[in-house]
């Protein structure tokens, strides 16, 4: 049990980064008129592909 508690200070910033990126990507997805592909697919990628999903959407999925 002591091993898990020693990892918590390292996991909290990663979890906060993950949640922040997910919220940012989802808000952008909702407000954007056009995306490269269906919005429901991008929402699925952002929510279920953890840290990489929001980054992939922000780099590839948005249509300028």
PDB file of N, CA and C in Angstrom:
ATOM      1  N   UNK A   1       0.821  -1.196   0.000  1.00  0.00           N
ATOM      2  CA  UNK A   1       0.000   0.000   0.000  1.00  0.00           C
ATOM      3  C   UNK A   1       0.862   1.256   0.000  1.00  0.00           C
ATOM      4  N   UNK A   2       2.046   1.158   0.547  1.00  0.00           N
ATOM      5  CA  UNK A   2       2.925   2.313   0.604  1.00  0.00           C
ATOM      6  C   UNK A   2       3.435   2.706  -0.780  1.00  0.00           C
ATOM      7  N   UNK A   3       3.584   1.751  -1.685  1.00  0.00           N
ATOM      8  CA  UNK A   3       4.048   2.051  -3.039  1.00  0.00           C
ATOM      9  C   UNK A   3       3.058   2.918  -3.800  1.00  0.00           C
ATOM     10  N   UNK A   4       1.784   2.650  -3.632  1.00  0.00           N
ATOM     11  CA  UNK A   4       0.753   3.423  -4.325  1.00  0.00           C
ATOM     12  C   UNK A   4       0.721   4.854  -3.801  1.00  0.00           C
ATOM     13  N   UNK A   5       0.801   5.017  -2.508  1.00  0.00           N
ATOM     14  CA  UNK A   5       0.746   6.368  -1.943  1.00  0.00           C
ATOM     15  C   UNK A   5       1.973   7.192  -2.325  1.00  0.00           C
ATOM     16  N   UNK A   6       3.082   6.557  -2.602  1.00  0.00           N
ATOM     17  CA  UNK A   6       4.260   7.306  -3.025  1.00  0.00           C
ATOM     18  C   UNK A   6       4.152   7.767  -4.479  1.00  0.00           C
ATOM     19  N   UNK A   7       3.276   7.156  -5.261  1.00  0.00           N
ATOM     20  CA  UNK A   7       3.090   7.548  -6.666  1.00  0.00           C
ATOM     21  C   UNK A   7       2.068   8.660  -6.851  1.00  0.00           C
ATOM     22  N   UNK A   8       1.233   8.898  -5.871  1.00  0.00           N
ATOM     23  CA  UNK A   8       0.153   9.883  -6.000  1.00  0.00           C
ATOM     24  C   UNK A   8       0.661  11.276  -6.380  1.00  0.00           C
ATOM     25  N   UNK A   9       1.745  11.789  -5.791  1.00  0.00           N
ATOM     26  CA  UNK A   9       2.215  13.123  -6.218  1.00  0.00           C
ATOM     27  C   UNK A   9       2.606  13.190  -7.698  1.00  0.00           C
ATOM     28  N   UNK A  10       2.977  12.084  -8.293  1.00  0.00           N
ATOM     29  CA  UNK A  10       3.328  12.068  -9.712  1.00  0.00           C
ATOM     30  C   UNK A  10       2.099  11.875 -10.600  1.00  0.00           C
ATOM     31  N   UNK A  11       1.085  11.200 -10.089  1.00  0.00           N
ATOM     32  CA  UNK A  11      -0.109  10.920 -10.881  1.00  0.00           C
ATOM     33  C   UNK A  11      -1.067  12.108 -10.935  1.00  0.00           C
ATOM     34  N   UNK A  12      -1.126  12.908  -9.894  1.00  0.00           N
ATOM     35  CA  UNK A  12      -2.076  14.025  -9.854  1.00  0.00           C
ATOM     36  C   UNK A  12      -1.850  15.005 -11.007  1.00  0.00           C
ATOM     37  N   UNK A  13      -0.626  15.452 -11.290  1.00  0.00           N
ATOM     38  CA  UNK A  13      -0.464  16.364 -12.439  1.00  0.00           C
ATOM     39  C   UNK A  13      -0.847  15.724 -13.777  1.00  0.00           C
ATOM     40  N   UNK A  14      -0.585  14.443 -13.943  1.00  0.00           N
ATOM     41  CA  UNK A  14      -0.947  13.764 -15.186  1.00  0.00           C
ATOM     42  C   UNK A  14      -2.457  13.702 -15.336  1.00  0.00           C
ATOM     43  N   UNK A  15      -3.154  13.389 -14.264  1.00  0.00           N
ATOM     44  CA  UNK A  15      -4.619  13.323 -14.298  1.00  0.00           C
ATOM     45  C   UNK A  15      -5.200  14.703 -14.573  1.00  0.00           C
ATOM     46  N   UNK A  16      -4.648  15.737 -13.950  1.00  0.00           N
ATOM     47  CA  UNK A  16      -5.144  17.097 -14.185  1.00  0.00           C
ATOM     48  C   UNK A  16      -4.891  17.542 -15.624  1.00  0.00           C
ATOM     49  N   UNK A  17      -3.739  17.198 -16.172  1.00  0.00           N
ATOM     50  CA  UNK A  17      -3.441  17.500 -17.569  1.00  0.00           C
ATOM     51  C   UNK A  17      -4.411  16.781 -18.498  1.00  0.00           C
ATOM     52  N   UNK A  18      -4.670  15.517 -18.218  1.00  0.00           N
ATOM     53  CA  UNK A  18      -5.614  14.718 -19.004  1.00  0.00           C
ATOM     54  C   UNK A  18      -7.000  15.347 -18.996  1.00  0.00           C
ATOM     55  N   UNK A  19      -7.490  15.688 -17.812  1.00  0.00           N
ATOM     56  CA  UNK A  19      -8.830  16.273 -17.707  1.00  0.00           C
ATOM     57  C   UNK A  19      -8.894  17.641 -18.380  1.00  0.00           C
ATOM     58  N   UNK A  20      -7.868  18.452 -18.195  1.00  0.00           N
ATOM     59  CA  UNK A  20      -7.845  19.769 -18.822  1.00  0.00           C
ATOM     60  C   UNK A  20      -7.854  19.685 -20.339  1.00  0.00           C
ATOM     61  N   UNK A  21      -7.031  18.800 -20.895  1.00  0.00           N
ATOM     62  CA  UNK A  21      -7.012  18.616 -22.344  1.00  0.00           C
ATOM     63  C   UNK A  21      -8.346  18.092 -22.858  1.00  0.00           C
ATOM     64  N   UNK A  22      -8.947  17.163 -22.116  1.00  0.00           N
ATOM     65  CA  UNK A  22     -10.224  16.600 -22.548  1.00  0.00           C
ATOM     66  C   UNK A  22     -11.313  17.673 -22.548  1.00  0.00           C
ATOM     67  N   UNK A  23     -11.387  18.461 -21.504  1.00  0.00           N
ATOM     68  CA  UNK A  23     -12.405  19.516 -21.438  1.00  0.00           C
ATOM     69  C   UNK A  23     -12.179  20.534 -22.553  1.00  0.00           C
ATOM     70  N   UNK A  24     -10.932  20.954 -22.730  1.00  0.00           N
ATOM     71  CA  UNK A  24     -10.625  21.931 -23.788  1.00  0.00           C
ATOM     72  C   UNK A  24     -11.009  21.395 -25.161  1.00  0.00           C
ATOM     73  N   UNK A  25     -10.641  20.144 -25.443  1.00  0.00           N
ATOM     74  CA  UNK A  25     -10.938  19.553 -26.746  1.00  0.00           C
ATOM     75  C   UNK A  25     -12.445  19.393 -26.956  1.00  0.00           C
ATOM     76  N   UNK A  26     -13.163  18.982 -25.916  1.00  0.00           N
ATOM     77  CA  UNK A  26     -14.615  18.814 -26.062  1.00  0.00           C
ATOM     78  C   UNK A  26     -15.316  20.150 -26.261  1.00  0.00           C
ATOM     79  N   UNK A  27     -14.898  21.182 -25.556  1.00  0.00           N
ATOM     80  CA  UNK A  27     -15.498  22.508 -25.738  1.00  0.00           C
ATOM     81  C   UNK A  27     -15.209  23.019 -27.145  1.00  0.00           C
ATOM     82  N   UNK A  28     -13.985  22.833 -27.611  1.00  0.00           N
ATOM     83  CA  UNK A  28     -13.638  23.228 -28.975  1.00  0.00           C
ATOM     84  C   UNK A  28     -14.469  22.450 -29.989  1.00  0.00           C
ATOM     85  N   UNK A  29     -14.634  21.168 -29.757  1.00  0.00           N
ATOM     86  CA  UNK A  29     -15.418  20.315 -30.661  1.00  0.00           C
ATOM     87  C   UNK A  29     -16.866  20.771 -30.725  1.00  0.00           C
ATOM     88  N   UNK A  30     -17.434  21.132 -29.604  1.00  0.00           N
ATOM     89  CA  UNK A  30     -18.832  21.572 -29.563  1.00  0.00           C
ATOM     90  C   UNK A  30     -19.011  22.885 -30.323  1.00  0.00           C
ATOM     91  N   UNK A  31     -18.077  23.795 -30.171  1.00  0.00           N
ATOM     92  CA  UNK A  31     -18.211  25.122 -30.780  1.00  0.00           C
ATOM     93  C   UNK A  31     -17.757  25.190 -32.233  1.00  0.00           C
ATOM     94  N   UNK A  32     -17.030  24.218 -32.689  1.00  0.00           N
ATOM     95  CA  UNK A  32     -16.505  24.230 -34.062  1.00  0.00           C
ATOM     96  C   UNK A  32     -17.584  23.741 -35.030  1.00  0.00           C
ATOM     97  N   UNK A  33     -17.760  24.486 -36.134  1.00  0.00           N
ATOM     98  CA  UNK A  33     -18.766  24.112 -37.129  1.00  0.00           C
ATOM     99  C   UNK A  33     -18.366  22.877 -37.914  1.00  0.00           C
ATOM    100  N   UNK A  34     -17.113  22.827 -38.359  1.00  0.00           N
ATOM    101  CA  UNK A  34     -16.676  21.728 -39.218  1.00  0.00           C
ATOM    102  C   UNK A  34     -15.451  21.052 -38.635  1.00  0.00           C
ATOM    103  N   UNK A  35     -15.439  19.737 -38.752  1.00  0.00           N
ATOM    104  CA  UNK A  35     -14.280  18.952 -38.342  1.00  0.00           C
ATOM    105  C   UNK A  35     -13.947  17.980 -39.464  1.00  0.00           C
ATOM    106  N   UNK A  36     -12.787  17.406 -39.390  1.00  0.00           N
ATOM    107  CA  UNK A  36     -12.393  16.389 -40.367  1.00  0.00           C
ATOM    108  C   UNK A  36     -12.955  15.059 -39.898  1.00  0.00           C
ATOM    109  N   UNK A  37     -14.157  14.762 -40.306  1.00  0.00           N
ATOM    110  CA  UNK A  37     -14.856  13.557 -39.875  1.00  0.00           C
ATOM    111  C   UNK A  37     -16.026  13.913 -38.974  1.00  0.00           C
ATOM    112  N   UNK A  38     -16.837  12.931 -38.650  1.00  0.00           N
ATOM    113  CA  UNK A  38     -18.012  13.169 -37.805  1.00  0.00           C
ATOM    114  C   UNK A  38     -17.619  13.589 -36.387  1.00  0.00           C
ATOM    115  N   UNK A  39     -18.386  14.495 -35.834  1.00  0.00           N
ATOM    116  CA  UNK A  39     -18.097  14.980 -34.480  1.00  0.00           C
ATOM    117  C   UNK A  39     -18.212  13.866 -33.446  1.00  0.00           C
ATOM    118  N   UNK A  40     -19.145  12.940 -33.632  1.00  0.00           N
ATOM    119  CA  UNK A  40     -19.326  11.883 -32.633  1.00  0.00           C
ATOM    120  C   UNK A  40     -18.092  10.993 -32.566  1.00  0.00           C
ATOM    121  N   UNK A  41     -17.407  10.797 -33.699  1.00  0.00           N
ATOM    122  CA  UNK A  41     -16.177   9.989 -33.695  1.00  0.00           C
ATOM    123  C   UNK A  41     -15.091  10.721 -32.921  1.00  0.00           C
ATOM    124  N   UNK A  42     -14.957  12.029 -33.152  1.00  0.00           N
ATOM    125  CA  UNK A  42     -13.949  12.794 -32.436  1.00  0.00           C
ATOM    126  C   UNK A  42     -14.257  12.845 -30.944  1.00  0.00           C
ATOM    127  N   UNK A  43     -15.532  12.950 -30.577  1.00  0.00           N
ATOM    128  CA  UNK A  43     -15.888  12.936 -29.152  1.00  0.00           C
ATOM    129  C   UNK A  43     -15.485  11.604 -28.523  1.00  0.00           C
ATOM    130  N   UNK A  44     -15.712  10.516 -29.229  1.00  0.00           N
ATOM    131  CA  UNK A  44     -15.311   9.192 -28.750  1.00  0.00           C
ATOM    132  C   UNK A  44     -13.798   9.117 -28.569  1.00  0.00           C
ATOM    133  N   UNK A  45     -13.049   9.616 -29.545  1.00  0.00           N
ATOM    134  CA  UNK A  45     -11.585   9.592 -29.475  1.00  0.00           C
ATOM    135  C   UNK A  45     -11.101  10.440 -28.296  1.00  0.00           C
ATOM    136  N   UNK A  46     -11.649  11.629 -28.143  1.00  0.00           N
ATOM    137  CA  UNK A  46     -11.222  12.525 -27.062  1.00  0.00           C
ATOM    138  C   UNK A  46     -11.493  11.907 -25.699  1.00  0.00           C
ATOM    139  N   UNK A  47     -12.644  11.273 -25.537  1.00  0.00           N
ATOM    140  CA  UNK A  47     -13.024  10.744 -24.228  1.00  0.00           C
ATOM    141  C   UNK A  47     -12.328   9.431 -23.909  1.00  0.00           C
ATOM    142  N   UNK A  48     -12.208   8.538 -24.880  1.00  0.00           N
ATOM    143  CA  UNK A  48     -11.759   7.180 -24.567  1.00  0.00           C
ATOM    144  C   UNK A  48     -10.305   6.857 -24.915  1.00  0.00           C
ATOM    145  N   UNK A  49      -9.589   7.753 -25.564  1.00  0.00           N
ATOM    146  CA  UNK A  49      -8.210   7.452 -25.910  1.00  0.00           C
ATOM    147  C   UNK A  49      -7.245   8.197 -24.970  1.00  0.00           C
ATOM    148  N   UNK A  50      -7.716   8.531 -23.811  1.00  0.00           N
ATOM    149  CA  UNK A  50      -6.923   9.129 -22.732  1.00  0.00           C
ATOM    150  C   UNK A  50      -6.121  10.339 -23.181  1.00  0.00           C
ATOM    151  N   UNK A  51      -4.876  10.413 -22.830  1.00  0.00           N
ATOM    152  CA  UNK A  51      -4.078  11.623 -23.051  1.00  0.00           C
ATOM    153  C   UNK A  51      -3.831  11.889 -24.530  1.00  0.00           C
ATOM    154  N   UNK A  52      -3.715  10.871 -25.340  1.00  0.00           N
ATOM    155  CA  UNK A  52      -3.401  11.045 -26.758  1.00  0.00           C
ATOM    156  C   UNK A  52      -4.621  11.509 -27.565  1.00  0.00           C
ATOM    157  N   UNK A  53      -5.828  11.096 -27.188  1.00  0.00           N
ATOM    158  CA  UNK A  53      -7.037  11.433 -27.940  1.00  0.00           C
ATOM    159  C   UNK A  53      -7.260  12.929 -28.117  1.00  0.00           C
ATOM    160  N   UNK A  54      -7.245  13.718 -27.028  1.00  0.00           N
ATOM    161  CA  UNK A  54      -7.425  15.163 -27.208  1.00  0.00           C
ATOM    162  C   UNK A  54      -6.323  15.805 -28.047  1.00  0.00           C
ATOM    163  N   UNK A  55      -5.098  15.327 -27.893  1.00  0.00           N
ATOM    164  CA  UNK A  55      -3.987  15.882 -28.669  1.00  0.00           C
ATOM    165  C   UNK A  55      -4.178  15.578 -30.156  1.00  0.00           C
ATOM    166  N   UNK A  56      -4.589  14.351 -30.477  1.00  0.00           N
ATOM    167  CA  UNK A  56      -4.832  13.982 -31.881  1.00  0.00           C
ATOM    168  C   UNK A  56      -5.945  14.840 -32.465  1.00  0.00           C
ATOM    169  N   UNK A  57      -7.022  15.057 -31.699  1.00  0.00           N
ATOM    170  CA  UNK A  57      -8.105  15.898 -32.198  1.00  0.00           C
ATOM    171  C   UNK A  57      -7.608  17.323 -32.456  1.00  0.00           C
ATOM    172  N   UNK A  58      -6.883  17.889 -31.500  1.00  0.00           N
ATOM    173  CA  UNK A  58      -6.441  19.277 -31.642  1.00  0.00           C
ATOM    174  C   UNK A  58      -5.455  19.463 -32.791  1.00  0.00           C
ATOM    175  N   UNK A  59      -4.674  18.440 -33.098  1.00  0.00           N
ATOM    176  CA  UNK A  59      -3.683  18.550 -34.173  1.00  0.00           C
ATOM    177  C   UNK A  59      -4.279  18.175 -35.532  1.00  0.00           C
ATOM    178  N   UNK A  60      -5.078  17.098 -35.575  1.00  0.00           N
ATOM    179  CA  UNK A  60      -5.535  16.561 -36.854  1.00  0.00           C
ATOM    180  C   UNK A  60      -7.011  16.842 -37.132  1.00  0.00           C
ATOM    181  N   UNK A  61      -7.857  16.799 -36.131  1.00  0.00           N
ATOM    182  CA  UNK A  61      -9.296  16.791 -36.347  1.00  0.00           C
ATOM    183  C   UNK A  61      -9.942  18.131 -36.663  1.00  0.00           C
ATOM    184  N   UNK A  62      -9.299  19.217 -36.257  1.00  0.00           N
ATOM    185  CA  UNK A  62      -9.930  20.512 -36.487  1.00  0.00           C
ATOM    186  C   UNK A  62      -9.737  20.951 -37.917  1.00  0.00           C
ATOM    187  N   UNK A  63     -10.783  21.546 -38.461  1.00  0.00           N
ATOM    188  CA  UNK A  63     -10.729  22.063 -39.824  1.00  0.00           C
ATOM    189  C   UNK A  63     -10.743  23.583 -39.735  1.00  0.00           C
ATOM    190  N   UNK A  64      -9.728  24.200 -40.246  1.00  0.00           N
ATOM    191  CA  UNK A  64      -9.599  25.667 -40.133  1.00  0.00           C
ATOM    192  C   UNK A  64     -10.555  26.382 -41.045  1.00  0.00           C
TER     193      UNK A  64
END
